[in-house]
Amino acid sequence: MDVLYFAWVRERIGLPKEKVETSAATVAELVEELKAREERYEAAFADLSALRVAIDQELTEFDAALDGAREVAFFPPMTGG
């Protein structure tokens, strides 16, 4: 699946997007797999309360299932004005 990173998440990881092979059943499990890769992922996902996630462009929660997902995106909460 494609994993996309936006704003400071992209800056910490150093990539805007990557293809990921995963056995994770949920977003939270995917995050744990990513954190185990390298320190930069650990830094990006250190505080999940500071992140939002979308599966196939639908805002969701970290306990959401990844069944059939083609894309997962991580980004900070948005502020409007």
N, C-alpha and C. Protein backbone atom coordinates (compact mmCIF):
# COMPACT_ATOMS: atom_id res chain seq x y z
N MET A 1 0.84 -1.17 0.00
CA MET A 1 0.00 0.00 0.00
C MET A 1 0.88 1.24 0.00
N ASP A 2 0.33 2.35 -0.41
CA ASP A 2 1.05 3.62 -0.36
C ASP A 2 0.85 4.24 1.01
N VAL A 3 1.92 4.74 1.60
CA VAL A 3 1.84 5.47 2.85
C VAL A 3 2.33 6.89 2.56
N LEU A 4 1.48 7.87 2.89
CA LEU A 4 1.79 9.26 2.62
C LEU A 4 2.02 10.01 3.92
N TYR A 5 2.96 10.94 3.89
CA TYR A 5 3.31 11.74 5.07
C TYR A 5 3.20 13.21 4.69
N PHE A 6 2.57 13.99 5.57
CA PHE A 6 2.37 15.41 5.30
C PHE A 6 2.93 16.28 6.44
N ALA A 7 3.29 17.51 6.08
CA ALA A 7 3.75 18.54 7.02
C ALA A 7 4.97 18.05 7.81
N TRP A 8 4.96 18.24 9.13
CA TRP A 8 6.14 17.89 9.92
C TRP A 8 6.39 16.38 9.97
N VAL A 9 5.37 15.57 9.70
CA VAL A 9 5.58 14.12 9.65
C VAL A 9 6.53 13.81 8.49
N ARG A 10 6.26 14.41 7.34
CA ARG A 10 7.13 14.24 6.16
C ARG A 10 8.54 14.74 6.45
N GLU A 11 8.64 15.87 7.15
CA GLU A 11 9.96 16.42 7.46
C GLU A 11 10.76 15.49 8.36
N ARG A 12 10.13 14.89 9.35
CA ARG A 12 10.84 14.00 10.27
C ARG A 12 11.25 12.69 9.60
N ILE A 13 10.39 12.16 8.73
CA ILE A 13 10.69 10.90 8.07
C ILE A 13 11.59 11.11 6.86
N GLY A 14 11.42 12.25 6.21
CA GLY A 14 12.27 12.56 5.06
C GLY A 14 11.72 12.08 3.72
N LEU A 15 10.48 11.63 3.73
CA LEU A 15 9.84 11.15 2.51
C LEU A 15 8.40 11.67 2.45
N PRO A 16 7.91 12.00 1.25
CA PRO A 16 6.50 12.37 1.15
C PRO A 16 5.59 11.15 1.02
N LYS A 17 6.17 10.02 0.51
CA LYS A 17 5.36 8.85 0.20
C LYS A 17 6.27 7.64 0.04
N GLU A 18 5.76 6.47 0.40
CA GLU A 18 6.50 5.24 0.14
C GLU A 18 5.53 4.08 0.02
N LYS A 19 5.98 3.05 -0.68
CA LYS A 19 5.22 1.80 -0.78
C LYS A 19 5.64 0.93 0.41
N VAL A 20 4.65 0.36 1.10
CA VAL A 20 4.93 -0.44 2.28
C VAL A 20 4.23 -1.78 2.15
N GLU A 21 5.00 -2.83 2.35
CA GLU A 21 4.44 -4.18 2.48
C GLU A 21 4.22 -4.41 3.96
N THR A 22 3.00 -4.76 4.34
CA THR A 22 2.72 -4.90 5.76
C THR A 22 1.82 -6.09 6.03
N SER A 23 1.97 -6.63 7.22
CA SER A 23 1.06 -7.67 7.69
C SER A 23 0.14 -7.10 8.76
N ALA A 24 0.20 -5.78 8.98
CA ALA A 24 -0.60 -5.13 10.00
C ALA A 24 -2.09 -5.22 9.68
N ALA A 25 -2.88 -5.44 10.71
CA ALA A 25 -4.33 -5.52 10.55
C ALA A 25 -4.99 -4.16 10.78
N THR A 26 -4.32 -3.29 11.55
CA THR A 26 -4.88 -1.97 11.87
C THR A 26 -3.83 -0.89 11.62
N VAL A 27 -4.30 0.35 11.63
CA VAL A 27 -3.38 1.47 11.47
C VAL A 27 -2.36 1.47 12.62
N ALA A 28 -2.81 1.21 13.83
CA ALA A 28 -1.91 1.20 14.99
C ALA A 28 -0.79 0.17 14.81
N GLU A 29 -1.13 -1.00 14.27
CA GLU A 29 -0.10 -2.03 14.02
C GLU A 29 0.86 -1.57 12.94
N LEU A 30 0.36 -0.88 11.91
CA LEU A 30 1.22 -0.33 10.87
C LEU A 30 2.19 0.68 11.48
N VAL A 31 1.69 1.53 12.36
CA VAL A 31 2.55 2.53 13.02
C VAL A 31 3.65 1.82 13.80
N GLU A 32 3.32 0.75 14.51
CA GLU A 32 4.33 0.01 15.28
C GLU A 32 5.38 -0.59 14.35
N GLU A 33 4.96 -1.11 13.21
CA GLU A 33 5.93 -1.64 12.23
C GLU A 33 6.85 -0.53 11.73
N LEU A 34 6.27 0.62 11.42
CA LEU A 34 7.07 1.74 10.92
C LEU A 34 8.04 2.23 11.99
N LYS A 35 7.57 2.35 13.23
CA LYS A 35 8.43 2.82 14.33
C LYS A 35 9.62 1.90 14.55
N ALA A 36 9.44 0.61 14.28
CA ALA A 36 10.51 -0.35 14.48
C ALA A 36 11.59 -0.26 13.40
N ARG A 37 11.30 0.42 12.30
CA ARG A 37 12.25 0.52 11.18
C ARG A 37 13.49 1.32 11.54
N GLU A 38 13.27 2.56 11.96
CA GLU A 38 14.37 3.50 12.18
C GLU A 38 13.96 4.56 13.18
N GLU A 39 14.96 5.26 13.70
CA GLU A 39 14.73 6.32 14.67
C GLU A 39 13.84 7.43 14.13
N ARG A 40 13.99 7.75 12.84
CA ARG A 40 13.20 8.86 12.28
C ARG A 40 11.71 8.54 12.31
N TYR A 41 11.32 7.28 12.14
CA TYR A 41 9.91 6.90 12.23
C TYR A 41 9.45 6.97 13.69
N GLU A 42 10.32 6.52 14.58
CA GLU A 42 10.01 6.61 16.02
C GLU A 42 9.73 8.05 16.41
N ALA A 43 10.53 8.97 15.92
CA ALA A 43 10.34 10.39 16.22
C ALA A 43 9.03 10.92 15.64
N ALA A 44 8.73 10.53 14.41
CA ALA A 44 7.52 11.02 13.76
C ALA A 44 6.24 10.51 14.43
N PHE A 45 6.29 9.28 14.95
CA PHE A 45 5.10 8.68 15.55
C PHE A 45 5.16 8.61 17.07
N ALA A 46 6.00 9.41 17.68
CA ALA A 46 6.18 9.38 19.14
C ALA A 46 4.90 9.75 19.89
N ASP A 47 4.13 10.68 19.35
CA ASP A 47 2.91 11.15 20.03
C ASP A 47 1.74 11.06 19.06
N LEU A 48 1.02 9.95 19.11
CA LEU A 48 -0.08 9.74 18.17
C LEU A 48 -1.22 10.72 18.39
N SER A 49 -1.32 11.30 19.58
CA SER A 49 -2.38 12.29 19.80
C SER A 49 -2.15 13.56 18.99
N ALA A 50 -0.93 13.73 18.47
CA ALA A 50 -0.60 14.88 17.63
C ALA A 50 -0.77 14.58 16.15
N LEU A 51 -1.35 13.41 15.84
CA LEU A 51 -1.49 12.99 14.44
C LEU A 51 -2.93 12.63 14.11
N ARG A 52 -3.24 12.75 12.84
CA ARG A 52 -4.49 12.26 12.29
C ARG A 52 -4.12 11.26 11.20
N VAL A 53 -5.08 10.40 10.86
CA VAL A 53 -4.83 9.39 9.84
C VAL A 53 -6.05 9.27 8.93
N ALA A 54 -5.77 8.98 7.66
CA ALA A 54 -6.84 8.73 6.70
C ALA A 54 -6.50 7.46 5.93
N ILE A 55 -7.52 6.66 5.69
CA ILE A 55 -7.39 5.47 4.85
C ILE A 55 -8.17 5.74 3.57
N ASP A 56 -7.51 5.64 2.45
CA ASP A 56 -8.13 5.91 1.15
C ASP A 56 -8.90 7.23 1.17
N GLN A 57 -8.27 8.24 1.73
CA GLN A 57 -8.76 9.62 1.78
C GLN A 57 -10.00 9.81 2.66
N GLU A 58 -10.23 8.87 3.58
CA GLU A 58 -11.32 9.00 4.55
C GLU A 58 -10.70 9.09 5.95
N LEU A 59 -10.97 10.17 6.65
CA LEU A 59 -10.46 10.34 8.01
C LEU A 59 -10.93 9.19 8.88
N THR A 60 -10.01 8.64 9.67
CA THR A 60 -10.34 7.48 10.50
C THR A 60 -9.54 7.53 11.79
N GLU A 61 -9.61 6.44 12.56
CA GLU A 61 -8.89 6.34 13.84
C GLU A 61 -7.76 5.33 13.70
N PHE A 62 -6.87 5.33 14.68
CA PHE A 62 -5.71 4.43 14.64
C PHE A 62 -6.08 2.97 14.85
N ASP A 63 -7.28 2.69 15.37
CA ASP A 63 -7.70 1.30 15.54
C ASP A 63 -8.46 0.78 14.31
N ALA A 64 -8.52 1.58 13.24
CA ALA A 64 -9.23 1.18 12.03
C ALA A 64 -8.52 0.04 11.31
N ALA A 65 -9.32 -0.84 10.73
CA ALA A 65 -8.78 -1.98 9.99
C ALA A 65 -8.20 -1.53 8.65
N LEU A 66 -7.16 -2.21 8.22
CA LEU A 66 -6.51 -1.91 6.95
C LEU A 66 -7.00 -2.79 5.80
N ASP A 67 -7.99 -3.62 6.03
CA ASP A 67 -8.49 -4.54 5.01
C ASP A 67 -8.77 -3.80 3.70
N GLY A 68 -8.06 -4.18 2.65
CA GLY A 68 -8.30 -3.61 1.34
C GLY A 68 -7.81 -2.20 1.13
N ALA A 69 -7.14 -1.63 2.11
CA ALA A 69 -6.67 -0.24 1.98
C ALA A 69 -5.59 -0.14 0.89
N ARG A 70 -5.70 0.89 0.09
CA ARG A 70 -4.70 1.16 -0.94
C ARG A 70 -3.75 2.28 -0.50
N GLU A 71 -4.24 3.14 0.42
CA GLU A 71 -3.45 4.30 0.82
C GLU A 71 -3.74 4.65 2.27
N VAL A 72 -2.68 4.96 3.00
CA VAL A 72 -2.81 5.47 4.37
C VAL A 72 -2.01 6.76 4.43
N ALA A 73 -2.62 7.80 4.97
CA ALA A 73 -1.96 9.10 5.07
C ALA A 73 -1.90 9.55 6.52
N PHE A 74 -0.75 10.10 6.91
CA PHE A 74 -0.54 10.62 8.26
C PHE A 74 -0.27 12.11 8.16
N PHE A 75 -0.91 12.90 9.04
CA PHE A 75 -0.76 14.34 9.00
C PHE A 75 -1.15 14.92 10.36
N PRO A 76 -0.67 16.13 10.66
CA PRO A 76 -1.06 16.78 11.90
C PRO A 76 -2.49 17.30 11.79
N PRO A 77 -3.14 17.56 12.95
CA PRO A 77 -4.49 18.14 12.90
C PRO A 77 -4.45 19.47 12.15
N MET A 78 -5.53 19.77 11.48
CA MET A 78 -5.56 21.02 10.72
C MET A 78 -6.24 22.11 11.52
N THR A 79 -5.72 23.30 11.36
CA THR A 79 -6.37 24.45 11.96
C THR A 79 -6.88 25.31 10.83
N GLY A 80 -7.98 25.92 11.04
CA GLY A 80 -8.58 26.72 9.98
C GLY A 80 -8.71 28.17 10.39
N GLY A 81 -9.09 28.94 9.44
CA GLY A 81 -9.26 30.34 9.74
C GLY A 81 -10.01 31.02 8.65
